[in-house]
C-alpha cells in the first residue's frame, strides 16, 4: 500500500491538488506497478509562517 505525505505551503487550488493526486498515482502505477485503489496520498498545507528555508520564514522570504 503506497502512502505519500506531501507537505506544501498554503495556496494550491482544489484543481491543482486533484492533479497532484492523479499524477502521483499514475506515476506509482506506471513505474512500480501499484494498484490505484491501494494508493493513499495526503496533502498537508502549511502556513508560510510555519515553513522556513535559507534561514528565514517563507512569509518573510516572499516579501523580498
N, C-alpha and C. Protein backbone atom coordinates (compact mmCIF):
# COMPACT_ATOMS: atom_id res chain seq x y z
N UNK A 1 0.84 -1.18 0.00
CA UNK A 1 0.00 0.00 0.00
C UNK A 1 0.89 1.24 0.00
N UNK A 2 1.05 1.91 -1.13
CA UNK A 2 1.83 3.14 -1.15
C UNK A 2 1.11 4.25 -0.39
N UNK A 3 1.90 5.02 0.34
CA UNK A 3 1.39 6.17 1.09
C UNK A 3 2.33 7.33 0.84
N UNK A 4 1.79 8.42 0.34
CA UNK A 4 2.57 9.63 0.11
C UNK A 4 2.02 10.72 1.00
N UNK A 5 2.90 11.37 1.77
CA UNK A 5 2.53 12.51 2.59
C UNK A 5 3.25 13.72 2.02
N UNK A 6 2.52 14.57 1.33
CA UNK A 6 3.09 15.74 0.66
C UNK A 6 2.79 16.98 1.48
N UNK A 7 3.83 17.71 1.83
CA UNK A 7 3.66 18.95 2.56
C UNK A 7 4.00 20.11 1.64
N UNK A 8 3.06 21.07 1.55
CA UNK A 8 3.25 22.25 0.72
C UNK A 8 2.78 23.47 1.50
N UNK A 9 3.24 24.65 1.09
CA UNK A 9 2.70 25.85 1.69
C UNK A 9 1.30 26.08 1.13
N UNK A 10 0.49 26.79 1.91
CA UNK A 10 -0.90 27.01 1.50
C UNK A 10 -0.98 27.80 0.21
N UNK A 11 -2.06 27.56 -0.54
CA UNK A 11 -2.29 28.34 -1.74
C UNK A 11 -2.68 27.53 -2.96
N UNK A 12 -2.50 26.22 -2.92
CA UNK A 12 -2.87 25.40 -4.08
C UNK A 12 -4.39 25.33 -4.19
N UNK A 13 -4.89 25.34 -5.40
CA UNK A 13 -6.33 25.22 -5.62
C UNK A 13 -6.75 23.76 -5.50
N UNK A 14 -8.05 23.55 -5.38
CA UNK A 14 -8.58 22.19 -5.34
C UNK A 14 -8.22 21.44 -6.61
N UNK A 15 -8.29 22.13 -7.75
CA UNK A 15 -7.95 21.52 -9.03
C UNK A 15 -6.48 21.11 -9.08
N UNK A 16 -5.60 21.93 -8.55
CA UNK A 16 -4.18 21.60 -8.52
C UNK A 16 -3.93 20.38 -7.63
N UNK A 17 -4.60 20.33 -6.50
CA UNK A 17 -4.45 19.19 -5.60
C UNK A 17 -4.96 17.91 -6.26
N UNK A 18 -6.07 18.01 -6.96
CA UNK A 18 -6.61 16.85 -7.67
C UNK A 18 -5.62 16.37 -8.73
N UNK A 19 -4.98 17.30 -9.42
CA UNK A 19 -3.98 16.93 -10.44
C UNK A 19 -2.79 16.26 -9.79
N UNK A 20 -2.33 16.76 -8.65
CA UNK A 20 -1.22 16.15 -7.93
C UNK A 20 -1.57 14.71 -7.58
N UNK A 21 -2.75 14.49 -7.00
CA UNK A 21 -3.17 13.15 -6.60
C UNK A 21 -3.22 12.23 -7.83
N UNK A 22 -3.79 12.72 -8.90
CA UNK A 22 -3.92 11.92 -10.13
C UNK A 22 -2.55 11.56 -10.69
N UNK A 23 -1.66 12.54 -10.81
CA UNK A 23 -0.37 12.30 -11.44
C UNK A 23 0.57 11.49 -10.55
N UNK A 24 0.54 11.69 -9.24
CA UNK A 24 1.35 10.86 -8.35
C UNK A 24 0.89 9.42 -8.42
N UNK A 25 -0.43 9.23 -8.45
CA UNK A 25 -0.97 7.88 -8.54
C UNK A 25 -0.55 7.23 -9.85
N UNK A 26 -0.67 7.96 -10.96
CA UNK A 26 -0.26 7.43 -12.27
C UNK A 26 1.22 7.05 -12.28
N UNK A 27 2.05 7.83 -11.60
CA UNK A 27 3.48 7.53 -11.54
C UNK A 27 3.73 6.22 -10.80
N UNK A 28 3.06 6.02 -9.68
CA UNK A 28 3.24 4.78 -8.93
C UNK A 28 2.73 3.58 -9.71
N UNK A 29 1.67 3.77 -10.47
CA UNK A 29 1.15 2.69 -11.30
C UNK A 29 2.14 2.36 -12.42
N UNK A 30 2.61 3.37 -13.13
CA UNK A 30 3.46 3.11 -14.30
C UNK A 30 4.87 2.67 -13.94
N UNK A 31 5.42 3.17 -12.86
CA UNK A 31 6.81 2.82 -12.52
C UNK A 31 6.89 1.61 -11.61
N UNK A 32 6.02 1.54 -10.61
CA UNK A 32 6.10 0.45 -9.63
C UNK A 32 5.03 -0.62 -9.79
N UNK A 33 4.08 -0.40 -10.69
CA UNK A 33 3.01 -1.37 -10.89
C UNK A 33 2.01 -1.44 -9.75
N UNK A 34 1.89 -0.35 -8.99
CA UNK A 34 0.97 -0.33 -7.85
C UNK A 34 -0.47 -0.15 -8.33
N UNK A 35 -1.41 -0.66 -7.56
CA UNK A 35 -2.82 -0.50 -7.89
C UNK A 35 -3.32 0.85 -7.38
N UNK A 36 -4.02 1.59 -8.24
CA UNK A 36 -4.51 2.90 -7.82
C UNK A 36 -5.39 2.84 -6.57
N UNK A 37 -6.19 1.79 -6.47
CA UNK A 37 -7.11 1.68 -5.33
C UNK A 37 -6.39 1.40 -4.01
N UNK A 38 -5.09 1.10 -4.08
CA UNK A 38 -4.30 0.87 -2.86
C UNK A 38 -3.39 2.05 -2.53
N UNK A 39 -3.46 3.09 -3.35
CA UNK A 39 -2.56 4.24 -3.20
C UNK A 39 -3.25 5.35 -2.40
N UNK A 40 -2.55 5.81 -1.36
CA UNK A 40 -3.07 6.87 -0.50
C UNK A 40 -2.15 8.07 -0.58
N UNK A 41 -2.73 9.25 -0.75
CA UNK A 41 -1.95 10.48 -0.82
C UNK A 41 -2.59 11.51 0.10
N UNK A 42 -1.79 12.06 0.99
CA UNK A 42 -2.25 13.09 1.92
C UNK A 42 -1.51 14.37 1.60
N UNK A 43 -2.25 15.45 1.41
CA UNK A 43 -1.64 16.75 1.16
C UNK A 43 -1.85 17.60 2.41
N UNK A 44 -0.74 17.99 3.02
CA UNK A 44 -0.80 18.86 4.19
C UNK A 44 -0.37 20.25 3.78
N UNK A 45 -1.21 21.23 4.08
CA UNK A 45 -0.87 22.61 3.77
C UNK A 45 -0.35 23.30 5.03
N UNK A 46 0.81 23.92 4.89
CA UNK A 46 1.49 24.56 6.00
C UNK A 46 1.45 26.08 5.79
N UNK A 47 1.11 26.83 6.84
CA UNK A 47 1.15 28.28 6.76
C UNK A 47 2.57 28.75 6.46
N UNK A 48 2.70 29.80 5.66
CA UNK A 48 4.02 30.34 5.31
C UNK A 48 4.85 30.66 6.54
N UNK A 49 4.21 31.11 7.60
CA UNK A 49 4.96 31.47 8.81
C UNK A 49 5.47 30.25 9.57
N UNK A 50 5.02 29.05 9.17
CA UNK A 50 5.46 27.81 9.80
C UNK A 50 6.42 27.01 8.92
N UNK A 51 6.92 27.64 7.87
CA UNK A 51 7.83 26.98 6.93
C UNK A 51 9.03 27.90 6.72
N UNK A 52 10.21 27.37 6.87
CA UNK A 52 11.38 28.20 6.68
C UNK A 52 12.43 27.51 5.83
N UNK A 53 13.24 28.32 5.17
CA UNK A 53 14.39 27.82 4.41
C UNK A 53 15.37 28.97 4.22
N UNK A 54 16.59 28.65 3.98
CA UNK A 54 17.65 29.66 3.82
C UNK A 54 17.72 30.60 5.01
N UNK A 55 17.34 30.11 6.18
CA UNK A 55 17.47 30.90 7.39
C UNK A 55 16.35 31.87 7.68
N UNK A 56 15.28 31.85 6.86
CA UNK A 56 14.16 32.76 7.10
C UNK A 56 12.83 32.02 6.93
N UNK A 57 11.79 32.58 7.52
CA UNK A 57 10.46 32.02 7.31
C UNK A 57 9.98 32.37 5.91
N UNK A 58 9.15 31.51 5.36
CA UNK A 58 8.68 31.71 3.98
C UNK A 58 7.93 33.02 3.80
N UNK A 59 7.13 33.42 4.79
CA UNK A 59 6.39 34.68 4.63
C UNK A 59 7.35 35.87 4.53
N UNK A 60 8.46 35.82 5.24
CA UNK A 60 9.46 36.89 5.13
C UNK A 60 10.19 36.81 3.79
N UNK A 61 10.52 35.62 3.35
CA UNK A 61 11.20 35.43 2.08
C UNK A 61 10.37 36.00 0.93
N UNK A 62 9.07 35.78 0.97
CA UNK A 62 8.19 36.23 -0.13
C UNK A 62 8.03 37.73 -0.16
N UNK A 63 8.36 38.42 0.93
CA UNK A 63 8.30 39.88 0.96
C UNK A 63 9.49 40.52 0.25
N UNK A 64 10.55 39.74 0.08
CA UNK A 64 11.79 40.29 -0.54
C UNK A 64 11.63 40.56 -2.00
